[in-house]
Amino acid sequence: MSRKPSSAAQGQALAEYLVALLVLTMLFGIAAGDDSVIDTLLTAVETAFSRLSTFLSLPL
């Protein structure tokens, strides 16, 4: 038999989720230097896709 969490427990969980989202937003969205983590990740994906398409276009 499960009991519904109390209102205080739900409020604490919401606060924890908000803090976690804030940390993730700061980690991924705000640049520590010239490039943010998201920019670096997107550049890596772009490079990998470019190399893959170049490889696939080579004759057999």
C-alpha atoms as a PDB file:
ATOM      1  CA  MET A   1       0.000   0.000   0.000  1.00  0.00           C
ATOM      2  CA  SER A   2       1.592   3.249  -1.087  1.00  0.00           C
ATOM      3  CA  ARG A   3       1.000   6.566   0.564  1.00  0.00           C
ATOM      4  CA  LYS A   4       0.928   9.888  -1.206  1.00  0.00           C
ATOM      5  CA  PRO A   5       3.923  12.084  -0.305  1.00  0.00           C
ATOM      6  CA  SER A   6       3.163  15.021   1.918  1.00  0.00           C
ATOM      7  CA  SER A   7       3.006  18.553   0.581  1.00  0.00           C
ATOM      8  CA  ALA A   8       6.360  19.394   2.169  1.00  0.00           C
ATOM      9  CA  ALA A   9       8.024  16.415   0.480  1.00  0.00           C
ATOM     10  CA  GLN A  10       6.621  17.450  -2.887  1.00  0.00           C
ATOM     11  CA  GLY A  11       7.884  21.000  -2.355  1.00  0.00           C
ATOM     12  CA  GLN A  12      11.353  19.738  -1.458  1.00  0.00           C
ATOM     13  CA  ALA A  13      11.454  17.529  -4.558  1.00  0.00           C
ATOM     14  CA  LEU A  14      10.470  20.502  -6.726  1.00  0.00           C
ATOM     15  CA  ALA A  15      13.250  22.596  -5.196  1.00  0.00           C
ATOM     16  CA  GLU A  16      15.774  19.815  -5.844  1.00  0.00           C
ATOM     17  CA  TYR A  17      14.674  19.522  -9.482  1.00  0.00           C
ATOM     18  CA  LEU A  18      14.985  23.286  -9.929  1.00  0.00           C
ATOM     19  CA  VAL A  19      18.501  23.299  -8.485  1.00  0.00           C
ATOM     20  CA  ALA A  20      19.515  20.395 -10.736  1.00  0.00           C
ATOM     21  CA  LEU A  21      18.109  22.179 -13.798  1.00  0.00           C
ATOM     22  CA  LEU A  22      19.908  25.374 -12.825  1.00  0.00           C
ATOM     23  CA  VAL A  23      23.216  23.513 -12.536  1.00  0.00           C
ATOM     24  CA  LEU A  24      22.705  21.817 -15.913  1.00  0.00           C
ATOM     25  CA  THR A  25      21.767  25.112 -17.525  1.00  0.00           C
ATOM     26  CA  MET A  26      24.901  26.740 -16.158  1.00  0.00           C
ATOM     27  CA  LEU A  27      27.021  23.772 -17.229  1.00  0.00           C
ATOM     28  CA  PHE A  28      25.739  23.591 -20.795  1.00  0.00           C
ATOM     29  CA  GLY A  29      24.498  27.072 -21.535  1.00  0.00           C
ATOM     30  CA  ILE A  30      26.941  29.523 -20.057  1.00  0.00           C
ATOM     31  CA  ALA A  31      30.390  29.742 -21.573  1.00  0.00           C
ATOM     32  CA  ALA A  32      33.297  29.340 -19.207  1.00  0.00           C
ATOM     33  CA  GLY A  33      35.652  30.774 -21.793  1.00  0.00           C
ATOM     34  CA  ASP A  34      35.223  31.482 -25.468  1.00  0.00           C
ATOM     35  CA  ASP A  35      33.108  28.418 -26.288  1.00  0.00           C
ATOM     36  CA  SER A  36      30.383  26.827 -24.240  1.00  0.00           C
ATOM     37  CA  VAL A  37      30.113  23.091 -23.781  1.00  0.00           C
ATOM     38  CA  ILE A  38      27.180  22.965 -26.201  1.00  0.00           C
ATOM     39  CA  ASP A  39      29.204  24.769 -28.896  1.00  0.00           C
ATOM     40  CA  THR A  40      32.056  22.308 -28.443  1.00  0.00           C
ATOM     41  CA  LEU A  41      29.667  19.349 -28.613  1.00  0.00           C
ATOM     42  CA  LEU A  42      27.963  20.663 -31.762  1.00  0.00           C
ATOM     43  CA  THR A  43      31.327  21.310 -33.418  1.00  0.00           C
ATOM     44  CA  ALA A  44      32.398  17.732 -32.636  1.00  0.00           C
ATOM     45  CA  VAL A  45      29.159  16.348 -34.106  1.00  0.00           C
ATOM     46  CA  GLU A  46      29.580  18.521 -37.205  1.00  0.00           C
ATOM     47  CA  THR A  47      33.164  17.310 -37.687  1.00  0.00           C
ATOM     48  CA  ALA A  48      32.184  13.670 -37.214  1.00  0.00           C
ATOM     49  CA  PHE A  49      29.316  13.968 -39.702  1.00  0.00           C
ATOM     50  CA  SER A  50      31.581  15.667 -42.224  1.00  0.00           C
ATOM     51  CA  ARG A  51      34.175  12.899 -41.911  1.00  0.00           C
ATOM     52  CA  LEU A  52      31.499  10.220 -42.187  1.00  0.00           C
ATOM     53  CA  SER A  53      29.989  11.730 -45.322  1.00  0.00           C
ATOM     54  CA  THR A  54      33.467  12.076 -46.853  1.00  0.00           C
ATOM     55  CA  PHE A  55      34.199   8.429 -46.097  1.00  0.00           C
ATOM     56  CA  LEU A  56      30.879   7.273 -47.549  1.00  0.00           C
ATOM     57  CA  SER A  57      31.458   9.224 -50.751  1.00  0.00           C
ATOM     58  CA  LEU A  58      34.768   7.452 -51.497  1.00  0.00           C
ATOM     59  CA  PRO A  59      34.633   5.005 -54.400  1.00  0.00           C
ATOM     60  CA  LEU A  60      34.856   1.322 -53.639  1.00  0.00           C
END
